Amino acid sequence: PLLEVRDLVKHYRLPRERLFAPVPLVRAVQGMSFSLAAGCSLGVVGES
């Protein structure tokens, strides 16, 4: 494959609501894996 995505994860840290509260995370990408061959097209769909 030209492109390989393996177990991709992306978390974003949010501001604490209180001083000693744990840092909240937004889990934007949760373990995505796929591949794309040269000359081919892959569509990615989903709501906002």
All heavy atoms as atom14 arrays in JSON, in Angstrom:
{
  "sequence": "PLLEVRDLVKHYRLPRERLFAPVPLVRAVQGMSFSLAAGCSLGVVGES",
  "atom14_mask": [
    [1, 1, 1, 1, 1, 1, 1, 0, 0, 0, 0, 0, 0, 0],
    [1, 1, 1, 1, 1, 1, 1, 1, 0, 0, 0, 0, 0, 0],
    [1, 1, 1, 1, 1, 1, 1, 1, 0, 0, 0, 0, 0, 0],
    [1, 1, 1, 1, 1, 1, 1, 1, 1, 0, 0, 0, 0, 0],
    [1, 1, 1, 1, 1, 1, 1, 0, 0, 0, 0, 0, 0, 0],
    [1, 1, 1, 1, 1, 1, 1, 1, 1, 1, 1, 0, 0, 0],
    [1, 1, 1, 1, 1, 1, 1, 1, 0, 0, 0, 0, 0, 0],
    [1, 1, 1, 1, 1, 1, 1, 1, 0, 0, 0, 0, 0, 0],
    [1, 1, 1, 1, 1, 1, 1, 0, 0, 0, 0, 0, 0, 0],
    [1, 1, 1, 1, 1, 1, 1, 1, 1, 0, 0, 0, 0, 0],
    [1, 1, 1, 1, 1, 1, 1, 1, 1, 1, 0, 0, 0, 0],
    [1, 1, 1, 1, 1, 1, 1, 1, 1, 1, 1, 1, 0, 0],
    [1, 1, 1, 1, 1, 1, 1, 1, 1, 1, 1, 0, 0, 0],
    [1, 1, 1, 1, 1, 1, 1, 1, 0, 0, 0, 0, 0, 0],
    [1, 1, 1, 1, 1, 1, 1, 0, 0, 0, 0, 0, 0, 0],
    [1, 1, 1, 1, 1, 1, 1, 1, 1, 1, 1, 0, 0, 0],
    [1, 1, 1, 1, 1, 1, 1, 1, 1, 0, 0, 0, 0, 0],
    [1, 1, 1, 1, 1, 1, 1, 1, 1, 1, 1, 0, 0, 0],
    [1, 1, 1, 1, 1, 1, 1, 1, 0, 0, 0, 0, 0, 0],
    [1, 1, 1, 1, 1, 1, 1, 1, 1, 1, 1, 0, 0, 0],
    [1, 1, 1, 1, 1, 0, 0, 0, 0, 0, 0, 0, 0, 0],
    [1, 1, 1, 1, 1, 1, 1, 0, 0, 0, 0, 0, 0, 0],
    [1, 1, 1, 1, 1, 1, 1, 0, 0, 0, 0, 0, 0, 0],
    [1, 1, 1, 1, 1, 1, 1, 0, 0, 0, 0, 0, 0, 0],
    [1, 1, 1, 1, 1, 1, 1, 1, 0, 0, 0, 0, 0, 0],
    [1, 1, 1, 1, 1, 1, 1, 0, 0, 0, 0, 0, 0, 0],
    [1, 1, 1, 1, 1, 1, 1, 1, 1, 1, 1, 0, 0, 0],
    [1, 1, 1, 1, 1, 0, 0, 0, 0, 0, 0, 0, 0, 0],
    [1, 1, 1, 1, 1, 1, 1, 0, 0, 0, 0, 0, 0, 0],
    [1, 1, 1, 1, 1, 1, 1, 1, 1, 0, 0, 0, 0, 0],
    [1, 1, 1, 1, 0, 0, 0, 0, 0, 0, 0, 0, 0, 0],
    [1, 1, 1, 1, 1, 1, 1, 1, 0, 0, 0, 0, 0, 0],
    [1, 1, 1, 1, 1, 1, 0, 0, 0, 0, 0, 0, 0, 0],
    [1, 1, 1, 1, 1, 1, 1, 1, 1, 1, 1, 0, 0, 0],
    [1, 1, 1, 1, 1, 1, 0, 0, 0, 0, 0, 0, 0, 0],
    [1, 1, 1, 1, 1, 1, 1, 1, 0, 0, 0, 0, 0, 0],
    [1, 1, 1, 1, 1, 0, 0, 0, 0, 0, 0, 0, 0, 0],
    [1, 1, 1, 1, 1, 0, 0, 0, 0, 0, 0, 0, 0, 0],
    [1, 1, 1, 1, 0, 0, 0, 0, 0, 0, 0, 0, 0, 0],
    [1, 1, 1, 1, 1, 1, 0, 0, 0, 0, 0, 0, 0, 0],
    [1, 1, 1, 1, 1, 1, 0, 0, 0, 0, 0, 0, 0, 0],
    [1, 1, 1, 1, 1, 1, 1, 1, 0, 0, 0, 0, 0, 0],
    [1, 1, 1, 1, 0, 0, 0, 0, 0, 0, 0, 0, 0, 0],
    [1, 1, 1, 1, 1, 1, 1, 0, 0, 0, 0, 0, 0, 0],
    [1, 1, 1, 1, 1, 1, 1, 0, 0, 0, 0, 0, 0, 0],
    [1, 1, 1, 1, 0, 0, 0, 0, 0, 0, 0, 0, 0, 0],
    [1, 1, 1, 1, 1, 1, 1, 1, 1, 0, 0, 0, 0, 0],
    [1, 1, 1, 1, 1, 1, 0, 0, 0, 0, 0, 0, 0, 0]
  ],
  "atom14_positions": [
    [[0.83, -1.21, 0.0], [0.0, 0.0, 0.0], [0.86, 1.26, 0.0], [1.94, 1.29, 0.59], [-0.79, -0.13, 1.3], [-0.71, -1.56, 1.69], [0.59, -2.05, 1.17], [0.0, 0.0, 0.0], [0.0, 0.0, 0.0], [0.0, 0.0, 0.0], [0.0, 0.0, 0.0], [0.0, 0.0, 0.0], [0.0, 0.0, 0.0], [0.0, 0.0, 0.0]],
    [[0.36, 2.29, -0.66], [1.05, 3.58, -0.62], [0.92, 4.2, 0.76], [1.89, 4.7, 1.33], [0.45, 4.51, -1.68], [0.95, 5.96, -1.65], [2.42, 6.03, -2.03], [0.1, 6.83, -2.58], [0.0, 0.0, 0.0], [0.0, 0.0, 0.0], [0.0, 0.0, 0.0], [0.0, 0.0, 0.0], [0.0, 0.0, 0.0], [0.0, 0.0, 0.0]],
    [[-0.29, 4.16, 1.32], [-0.57, 4.75, 2.63], [-1.06, 3.67, 3.57], [-1.97, 2.9, 3.23], [-1.63, 5.85, 2.5], [-2.13, 6.47, 3.81], [-1.03, 7.3, 4.47], [-3.37, 7.32, 3.56], [0.0, 0.0, 0.0], [0.0, 0.0, 0.0], [0.0, 0.0, 0.0], [0.0, 0.0, 0.0], [0.0, 0.0, 0.0], [0.0, 0.0, 0.0]],
    [[-0.46, 3.59, 4.74], [-0.9, 2.66, 5.78], [-1.11, 3.44, 7.08], [-0.2, 4.13, 7.55], [0.13, 1.57, 6.03], [0.33, 0.62, 4.87], [1.4, -0.42, 5.2], [2.58, -0.13, 4.98], [1.03, -1.51, 5.68], [0.0, 0.0, 0.0], [0.0, 0.0, 0.0], [0.0, 0.0, 0.0], [0.0, 0.0, 0.0], [0.0, 0.0, 0.0]],
    [[-2.3, 3.33, 7.62], [-2.62, 3.93, 8.92], [-2.83, 2.78, 9.89], [-3.67, 1.91, 9.67], [-3.88, 4.81, 8.83], [-4.33, 5.26, 10.2], [-3.62, 6.01, 7.93], [0.0, 0.0, 0.0], [0.0, 0.0, 0.0], [0.0, 0.0, 0.0], [0.0, 0.0, 0.0], [0.0, 0.0, 0.0], [0.0, 0.0, 0.0], [0.0, 0.0, 0.0]],
    [[-2.03, 2.78, 10.96], [-2.04, 1.66, 11.89], [-2.36, 2.13, 13.31], [-1.61, 2.92, 13.89], [-0.67, 0.96, 11.91], [-0.25, 0.36, 10.57], [1.13, -0.28, 10.68], [1.56, -0.87, 9.42], [2.77, -1.4, 9.24], [3.65, -1.4, 10.22], [3.09, -1.93, 8.06], [0.0, 0.0, 0.0], [0.0, 0.0, 0.0], [0.0, 0.0, 0.0]],
    [[-3.48, 1.67, 13.84], [-3.86, 1.89, 15.24], [-3.69, 3.36, 15.65], [-3.15, 3.67, 16.71], [-3.01, 1.01, 16.17], [-3.16, -0.47, 15.85], [-4.29, -0.89, 15.56], [-2.14, -1.19, 15.84], [0.0, 0.0, 0.0], [0.0, 0.0, 0.0], [0.0, 0.0, 0.0], [0.0, 0.0, 0.0], [0.0, 0.0, 0.0], [0.0, 0.0, 0.0]],
    [[-4.19, 4.25, 14.82], [-3.98, 5.68, 15.02], [-4.9, 6.21, 16.12], [-6.11, 5.96, 16.12], [-4.24, 6.42, 13.71], [-3.67, 7.83, 13.59], [-2.16, 7.82, 13.71], [-4.07, 8.44, 12.25], [0.0, 0.0, 0.0], [0.0, 0.0, 0.0], [0.0, 0.0, 0.0], [0.0, 0.0, 0.0], [0.0, 0.0, 0.0], [0.0, 0.0, 0.0]],
    [[-4.31, 6.96, 17.04], [-5.03, 7.53, 18.18], [-4.64, 8.99, 18.31], [-3.47, 9.35, 18.18], [-4.69, 6.78, 19.48], [-5.34, 7.46, 20.69], [-5.12, 5.32, 19.4], [0.0, 0.0, 0.0], [0.0, 0.0, 0.0], [0.0, 0.0, 0.0], [0.0, 0.0, 0.0], [0.0, 0.0, 0.0], [0.0, 0.0, 0.0], [0.0, 0.0, 0.0]],
    [[-5.64, 9.84, 18.57], [-5.36, 11.25, 18.86], [-6.29, 11.73, 19.97], [-7.51, 11.71, 19.83], [-5.55, 12.12, 17.62], [-5.27, 13.6, 17.85], [-3.82, 13.86, 18.24], [-3.54, 15.34, 18.45], [-2.15, 15.59, 18.86], [0.0, 0.0, 0.0], [0.0, 0.0, 0.0], [0.0, 0.0, 0.0], [0.0, 0.0, 0.0], [0.0, 0.0, 0.0]],
    [[-5.68, 12.17, 21.08], [-6.42, 12.75, 22.2], [-6.03, 14.22, 22.35], [-4.87, 14.58, 22.15], [-6.1, 12.02, 23.51], [-6.53, 10.59, 23.51], [-6.12, 9.69, 24.48], [-7.35, 9.9, 22.68], [-6.66, 8.5, 24.24], [-7.4, 8.61, 23.15], [0.0, 0.0, 0.0], [0.0, 0.0, 0.0], [0.0, 0.0, 0.0], [0.0, 0.0, 0.0]],
    [[-6.99, 15.04, 22.69], [-6.75, 16.46, 22.96], [-7.04, 16.74, 24.43], [-8.07, 16.31, 24.96], [-7.64, 17.35, 22.09], [-7.32, 17.3, 20.62], [-8.09, 16.52, 19.76], [-6.26, 18.03, 20.1], [-7.81, 16.48, 18.41], [-5.97, 17.98, 18.73], [-6.75, 17.21, 17.91], [-6.46, 17.16, 16.56], [0.0, 0.0, 0.0], [0.0, 0.0, 0.0]],
    [[-6.14, 17.46, 25.07], [-6.34, 17.85, 26.46], [-7.19, 19.13, 26.53], [-6.96, 20.06, 25.77], [-5.0, 18.09, 27.15], [-4.14, 16.84, 27.29], [-2.8, 17.16, 27.92], [-2.0, 15.96, 28.09], [-2.03, 15.19, 29.17], [-2.8, 15.54, 30.19], [-1.28, 14.11, 29.25], [0.0, 0.0, 0.0], [0.0, 0.0, 0.0], [0.0, 0.0, 0.0]],
    [[-8.13, 19.12, 27.45], [-8.98, 20.29, 27.68], [-8.57, 20.98, 28.98], [-7.93, 20.36, 29.85], [-10.46, 19.85, 27.77], [-11.05, 19.23, 26.51], [-12.5, 18.84, 26.78], [-10.96, 20.16, 25.33], [0.0, 0.0, 0.0], [0.0, 0.0, 0.0], [0.0, 0.0, 0.0], [0.0, 0.0, 0.0], [0.0, 0.0, 0.0], [0.0, 0.0, 0.0]],
    [[-8.92, 22.25, 29.13], [-8.61, 22.93, 30.41], [-9.34, 22.28, 31.57], [-10.47, 21.8, 31.45], [-9.12, 24.36, 30.17], [-9.21, 24.5, 28.68], [-9.54, 23.15, 28.15], [0.0, 0.0, 0.0], [0.0, 0.0, 0.0], [0.0, 0.0, 0.0], [0.0, 0.0, 0.0], [0.0, 0.0, 0.0], [0.0, 0.0, 0.0], [0.0, 0.0, 0.0]],
    [[-8.68, 22.25, 32.72], [-9.33, 21.74, 33.94], [-10.5, 22.61, 34.34], [-10.44, 23.83, 34.23], [-8.33, 21.69, 35.1], [-7.24, 20.64, 34.98], [-6.43, 20.63, 36.28], [-5.43, 19.6, 36.29], [-4.17, 19.77, 35.9], [-3.78, 20.96, 35.44], [-3.3, 18.78, 35.96], [0.0, 0.0, 0.0], [0.0, 0.0, 0.0], [0.0, 0.0, 0.0]],
    [[-11.55, 21.99, 34.83], [-12.69, 22.74, 35.34], [-12.4, 23.28, 36.73], [-12.91, 24.34, 37.1], [-13.93, 21.85, 35.37], [-14.4, 21.42, 33.98], [-15.65, 20.57, 34.06], [-16.13, 20.32, 35.19], [-16.15, 20.17, 32.99], [0.0, 0.0, 0.0], [0.0, 0.0, 0.0], [0.0, 0.0, 0.0], [0.0, 0.0, 0.0], [0.0, 0.0, 0.0]],
    [[-11.58, 22.56, 37.49], [-11.17, 22.99, 38.83], [-9.66, 22.8, 38.95], [-9.06, 22.02, 38.2], [-11.89, 22.19, 39.92], [-13.4, 22.34, 39.88], [-14.05, 21.56, 41.02], [-13.65, 20.17, 41.04], [-14.19, 19.21, 40.28], [-15.16, 19.51, 39.44], [-13.77, 17.98, 40.38], [0.0, 0.0, 0.0], [0.0, 0.0, 0.0], [0.0, 0.0, 0.0]],
    [[-9.05, 23.45, 39.92], [-7.6, 23.49, 40.04], [-7.0, 22.09, 40.13], [-6.02, 21.78, 39.45], [-7.19, 24.32, 41.25], [-5.67, 24.46, 41.49], [-5.01, 25.1, 40.29], [-5.42, 25.27, 42.75], [0.0, 0.0, 0.0], [0.0, 0.0, 0.0], [0.0, 0.0, 0.0], [0.0, 0.0, 0.0], [0.0, 0.0, 0.0], [0.0, 0.0, 0.0]],
    [[-7.55, 21.23, 40.97], [-6.96, 19.92, 41.2], [-7.74, 18.79, 40.52], [-7.51, 17.62, 40.8], [-6.86, 19.65, 42.71], [-5.95, 20.61, 43.41], [-6.48, 21.59, 44.25], [-4.58, 20.57, 43.22], [-5.65, 22.49, 44.9], [-3.74, 21.46, 43.86], [-4.27, 22.44, 44.69], [0.0, 0.0, 0.0], [0.0, 0.0, 0.0], [0.0, 0.0, 0.0]],
    [[-8.62, 19.15, 39.63], [-9.38, 18.14, 38.89], [-8.48, 17.48, 37.85], [-7.51, 18.08, 37.37], [-10.59, 18.78, 38.21], [0.0, 0.0, 0.0], [0.0, 0.0, 0.0], [0.0, 0.0, 0.0], [0.0, 0.0, 0.0], [0.0, 0.0, 0.0], [0.0, 0.0, 0.0], [0.0, 0.0, 0.0], [0.0, 0.0, 0.0], [0.0, 0.0, 0.0]],
    [[-8.76, 16.23, 37.47], [-7.97, 15.59, 36.41], [-8.16, 16.31, 35.08], [-9.2, 16.94, 34.84], [-8.54, 14.17, 36.35], [-9.87, 14.24, 37.0], [-9.79, 15.34, 38.01], [0.0, 0.0, 0.0], [0.0, 0.0, 0.0], [0.0, 0.0, 0.0], [0.0, 0.0, 0.0], [0.0, 0.0, 0.0], [0.0, 0.0, 0.0], [0.0, 0.0, 0.0]],
    [[-7.15, 16.25, 34.25], [-7.22, 16.9, 32.94], [-8.15, 16.1, 32.03], [-7.91, 14.93, 31.76], [-5.82, 16.99, 32.29], [-5.91, 17.59, 30.9], [-4.88, 17.8, 33.17], [0.0, 0.0, 0.0], [0.0, 0.0, 0.0], [0.0, 0.0, 0.0], [0.0, 0.0, 0.0], [0.0, 0.0, 0.0], [0.0, 0.0, 0.0], [0.0, 0.0, 0.0]],
    [[-9.25, 16.69, 31.56], [-10.15, 15.95, 30.66], [-9.55, 15.81, 29.27], [-8.78, 16.66, 28.81], [-11.41, 16.82, 30.63], [-10.93, 18.19, 30.97], [-9.74, 18.04, 31.87], [0.0, 0.0, 0.0], [0.0, 0.0, 0.0], [0.0, 0.0, 0.0], [0.0, 0.0, 0.0], [0.0, 0.0, 0.0], [0.0, 0.0, 0.0], [0.0, 0.0, 0.0]],
    [[-9.91, 14.73, 28.6], [-9.42, 14.46, 27.25], [-10.59, 14.36, 26.28], [-11.66, 13.84, 26.63], [-8.64, 13.14, 27.21], [-7.36, 13.03, 28.02], [-6.79, 11.61, 27.89], [-6.34, 14.05, 27.56], [0.0, 0.0, 0.0], [0.0, 0.0, 0.0], [0.0, 0.0, 0.0], [0.0, 0.0, 0.0], [0.0, 0.0, 0.0], [0.0, 0.0, 0.0]],
    [[-10.39, 14.84, 25.08], [-11.3, 14.57, 23.97], [-10.64, 13.51, 23.11], [-9.53, 13.7, 22.61], [-11.59, 15.83, 23.14], [-12.33, 15.46, 21.86], [-12.44, 16.8, 23.94], [0.0, 0.0, 0.0], [0.0, 0.0, 0.0], [0.0, 0.0, 0.0], [0.0, 0.0, 0.0], [0.0, 0.0, 0.0], [0.0, 0.0, 0.0], [0.0, 0.0, 0.0]],
    [[-11.3, 12.4, 22.94], [-10.77, 11.3, 22.13], [-11.26, 11.47, 20.7], [-12.31, 10.98, 20.33], [-11.2, 9.97, 22.71], [-10.63, 9.69, 24.09], [-11.13, 8.35, 24.61], [-10.4, 7.91, 25.77], [-10.75, 8.17, 27.02], [-11.83, 8.91, 27.25], [-10.03, 7.74, 28.03], [0.0, 0.0, 0.0], [0.0, 0.0, 0.0], [0.0, 0.0, 0.0]],
    [[-10.49, 12.16, 19.89], [-10.91, 12.5, 18.53], [-10.75, 11.33, 17.57], [-11.56, 11.15, 16.66], [-10.13, 13.72, 18.02], [0.0, 0.0, 0.0], [0.0, 0.0, 0.0], [0.0, 0.0, 0.0], [0.0, 0.0, 0.0], [0.0, 0.0, 0.0], [0.0, 0.0, 0.0], [0.0, 0.0, 0.0], [0.0, 0.0, 0.0], [0.0, 0.0, 0.0]],
    [[-9.68, 10.57, 17.73], [-9.41, 9.4, 16.88], [-9.07, 8.25, 17.81], [-8.22, 8.38, 18.68], [-8.26, 9.66, 15.89], [-7.87, 8.39, 15.15], [-8.66, 10.74, 14.89], [0.0, 0.0, 0.0], [0.0, 0.0, 0.0], [0.0, 0.0, 0.0], [0.0, 0.0, 0.0], [0.0, 0.0, 0.0], [0.0, 0.0, 0.0], [0.0, 0.0, 0.0]],
    [[-9.76, 7.1, 17.59], [-9.66, 5.99, 18.53], [-9.24, 4.7, 17.81], [-10.07, 3.86, 17.48], [-11.0, 5.77, 19.22], [-11.33, 6.82, 20.26], [-10.63, 6.52, 21.57], [-9.46, 6.82, 21.73], [-11.35, 5.92, 22.5], [0.0, 0.0, 0.0], [0.0, 0.0, 0.0], [0.0, 0.0, 0.0], [0.0, 0.0, 0.0], [0.0, 0.0, 0.0]],
    [[-7.97, 4.56, 17.5], [-7.47, 3.28, 16.99], [-7.87, 2.97, 15.56], [-8.25, 1.83, 15.26], [0.0, 0.0, 0.0], [0.0, 0.0, 0.0], [0.0, 0.0, 0.0], [0.0, 0.0, 0.0], [0.0, 0.0, 0.0], [0.0, 0.0, 0.0], [0.0, 0.0, 0.0], [0.0, 0.0, 0.0], [0.0, 0.0, 0.0], [0.0, 0.0, 0.0]],
    [[-7.77, 3.93, 14.65], [-8.11, 3.69, 13.24], [-6.98, 2.96, 12.53], [-5.81, 3.26, 12.73], [-8.37, 5.01, 12.52], [-9.61, 5.74, 12.94], [-9.9, 7.15, 11.85], [-11.05, 8.08, 12.83], [0.0, 0.0, 0.0], [0.0, 0.0, 0.0], [0.0, 0.0, 0.0], [0.0, 0.0, 0.0], [0.0, 0.0, 0.0], [0.0, 0.0, 0.0]],
    [[-7.36, 2.02, 11.64], [-6.4, 1.32, 10.8], [-7.02, 1.13, 9.41], [-8.17, 0.68, 9.31], [-6.03, -0.05, 11.38], [-5.37, 0.08, 12.62], [0.0, 0.0, 0.0], [0.0, 0.0, 0.0], [0.0, 0.0, 0.0], [0.0, 0.0, 0.0], [0.0, 0.0, 0.0], [0.0, 0.0, 0.0], [0.0, 0.0, 0.0], [0.0, 0.0, 0.0]],
    [[-6.27, 1.47, 8.38], [-6.69, 1.22, 7.0], [-5.49, 1.4, 6.1], [-4.42, 1.86, 6.53], [-7.84, 2.15, 6.57], [-7.5, 3.61, 6.61], [-6.86, 4.24, 5.55], [-7.84, 4.39, 7.72], [-6.55, 5.6, 5.59], [-7.53, 5.73, 7.77], [-6.88, 6.33, 6.7], [0.0, 0.0, 0.0], [0.0, 0.0, 0.0], [0.0, 0.0, 0.0]],
    [[-5.63, 1.03, 4.83], [-4.56, 1.22, 3.85], [-5.15, 1.72, 2.55], [-6.35, 1.57, 2.28], [-3.8, -0.09, 3.62], [-4.65, -1.09, 3.11], [0.0, 0.0, 0.0], [0.0, 0.0, 0.0], [0.0, 0.0, 0.0], [0.0, 0.0, 0.0], [0.0, 0.0, 0.0], [0.0, 0.0, 0.0], [0.0, 0.0, 0.0], [0.0, 0.0, 0.0]],
    [[-4.3, 2.33, 1.73], [-4.71, 2.89, 0.45], [-3.63, 2.61, -0.57], [-2.47, 2.97, -0.36], [-4.95, 4.4, 0.58], [-5.3, 5.19, -0.68], [-6.58, 4.65, -1.3], [-5.44, 6.67, -0.36], [0.0, 0.0, 0.0], [0.0, 0.0, 0.0], [0.0, 0.0, 0.0], [0.0, 0.0, 0.0], [0.0, 0.0, 0.0], [0.0, 0.0, 0.0]],
    [[-4.0, 1.96, -1.66], [-3.04, 1.62, -2.7], [-2.83, 2.79, -3.65], [-3.69, 3.67, -3.77], [-3.53, 0.39, -3.48], [0.0, 0.0, 0.0], [0.0, 0.0, 0.0], [0.0, 0.0, 0.0], [0.0, 0.0, 0.0], [0.0, 0.0, 0.0], [0.0, 0.0, 0.0], [0.0, 0.0, 0.0], [0.0, 0.0, 0.0], [0.0, 0.0, 0.0]],
    [[-1.7, 2.8, -4.31], [-1.41, 3.84, -5.3], [-2.46, 3.83, -6.39], [-2.88, 2.77, -6.86], [-0.02, 3.62, -5.89], [0.0, 0.0, 0.0], [0.0, 0.0, 0.0], [0.0, 0.0, 0.0], [0.0, 0.0, 0.0], [0.0, 0.0, 0.0], [0.0, 0.0, 0.0], [0.0, 0.0, 0.0], [0.0, 0.0, 0.0], [0.0, 0.0, 0.0]],
    [[-2.91, 5.02, -6.79], [-3.89, 5.13, -7.86], [-5.32, 4.89, -7.46], [-6.23, 5.0, -8.3], [0.0, 0.0, 0.0], [0.0, 0.0, 0.0], [0.0, 0.0, 0.0], [0.0, 0.0, 0.0], [0.0, 0.0, 0.0], [0.0, 0.0, 0.0], [0.0, 0.0, 0.0], [0.0, 0.0, 0.0], [0.0, 0.0, 0.0], [0.0, 0.0, 0.0]],
    [[-5.57, 4.59, -6.19], [-6.93, 4.3, -5.72], [-7.45, 5.47, -4.87], [-6.71, 6.35, -4.47], [-6.95, 3.01, -4.9], [-6.58, 1.54, -5.87], [0.0, 0.0, 0.0], [0.0, 0.0, 0.0], [0.0, 0.0, 0.0], [0.0, 0.0, 0.0], [0.0, 0.0, 0.0], [0.0, 0.0, 0.0], [0.0, 0.0, 0.0], [0.0, 0.0, 0.0]],
    [[-8.75, 5.44, -4.6], [-9.37, 6.5, -3.82], [-10.16, 5.9, -2.66], [-10.87, 4.91, -2.83], [-10.29, 7.36, -4.7], [-11.22, 6.56, -5.39], [0.0, 0.0, 0.0], [0.0, 0.0, 0.0], [0.0, 0.0, 0.0], [0.0, 0.0, 0.0], [0.0, 0.0, 0.0], [0.0, 0.0, 0.0], [0.0, 0.0, 0.0], [0.0, 0.0, 0.0]],
    [[-10.0, 6.5, -1.5], [-10.69, 6.05, -0.3], [-11.51, 7.21, 0.25], [-10.98, 8.29, 0.51], [-9.67, 5.59, 0.75], [-10.25, 5.2, 2.12], [-11.08, 3.92, 2.0], [-9.14, 5.0, 3.15], [0.0, 0.0, 0.0], [0.0, 0.0, 0.0], [0.0, 0.0, 0.0], [0.0, 0.0, 0.0], [0.0, 0.0, 0.0], [0.0, 0.0, 0.0]],
    [[-12.81, 6.98, 0.41], [-13.69, 7.99, 0.99], [-13.81, 7.8, 2.49], [-13.9, 6.67, 2.98], [0.0, 0.0, 0.0], [0.0, 0.0, 0.0], [0.0, 0.0, 0.0], [0.0, 0.0, 0.0], [0.0, 0.0, 0.0], [0.0, 0.0, 0.0], [0.0, 0.0, 0.0], [0.0, 0.0, 0.0], [0.0, 0.0, 0.0], [0.0, 0.0, 0.0]],
    [[-13.82, 8.92, 3.21], [-14.0, 8.91, 4.67], [-15.23, 9.75, 4.97], [-15.26, 10.95, 4.68], [-12.77, 9.49, 5.39], [-12.98, 9.46, 6.9], [-11.51, 8.71, 5.01], [0.0, 0.0, 0.0], [0.0, 0.0, 0.0], [0.0, 0.0, 0.0], [0.0, 0.0, 0.0], [0.0, 0.0, 0.0], [0.0, 0.0, 0.0], [0.0, 0.0, 0.0]],
    [[-16.27, 9.13, 5.54], [-17.52, 9.83, 5.78], [-17.89, 9.73, 7.26], [-17.45, 8.83, 7.98], [-18.66, 9.27, 4.91], [-18.32, 9.4, 3.44], [-18.97, 7.82, 5.25], [0.0, 0.0, 0.0], [0.0, 0.0, 0.0], [0.0, 0.0, 0.0], [0.0, 0.0, 0.0], [0.0, 0.0, 0.0], [0.0, 0.0, 0.0], [0.0, 0.0, 0.0]],
    [[-18.73, 10.65, 7.68], [-19.21, 10.7, 9.06], [-19.7, 12.09, 9.35], [-19.37, 13.05, 8.66], [0.0, 0.0, 0.0], [0.0, 0.0, 0.0], [0.0, 0.0, 0.0], [0.0, 0.0, 0.0], [0.0, 0.0, 0.0], [0.0, 0.0, 0.0], [0.0, 0.0, 0.0], [0.0, 0.0, 0.0], [0.0, 0.0, 0.0], [0.0, 0.0, 0.0]],
    [[-20.49, 12.22, 10.41], [-21.03, 13.53, 10.77], [-19.95, 14.38, 11.42], [-18.83, 13.92, 11.69], [-22.22, 13.35, 11.71], [-21.87, 12.65, 13.01], [-23.1, 12.16, 13.76], [-24.2, 12.6, 13.46], [-22.93, 11.31, 14.66], [0.0, 0.0, 0.0], [0.0, 0.0, 0.0], [0.0, 0.0, 0.0], [0.0, 0.0, 0.0], [0.0, 0.0, 0.0]],
    [[-20.26, 15.63, 11.68], [-19.32, 16.53, 12.35], [-18.95, 15.97, 13.72], [-19.81, 15.5, 14.47], [-19.95, 17.92, 12.53], [-20.24, 18.5, 11.28], [0.0, 0.0, 0.0], [0.0, 0.0, 0.0], [0.0, 0.0, 0.0], [0.0, 0.0, 0.0], [0.0, 0.0, 0.0], [0.0, 0.0, 0.0], [0.0, 0.0, 0.0], [0.0, 0.0, 0.0]]
  ]
}
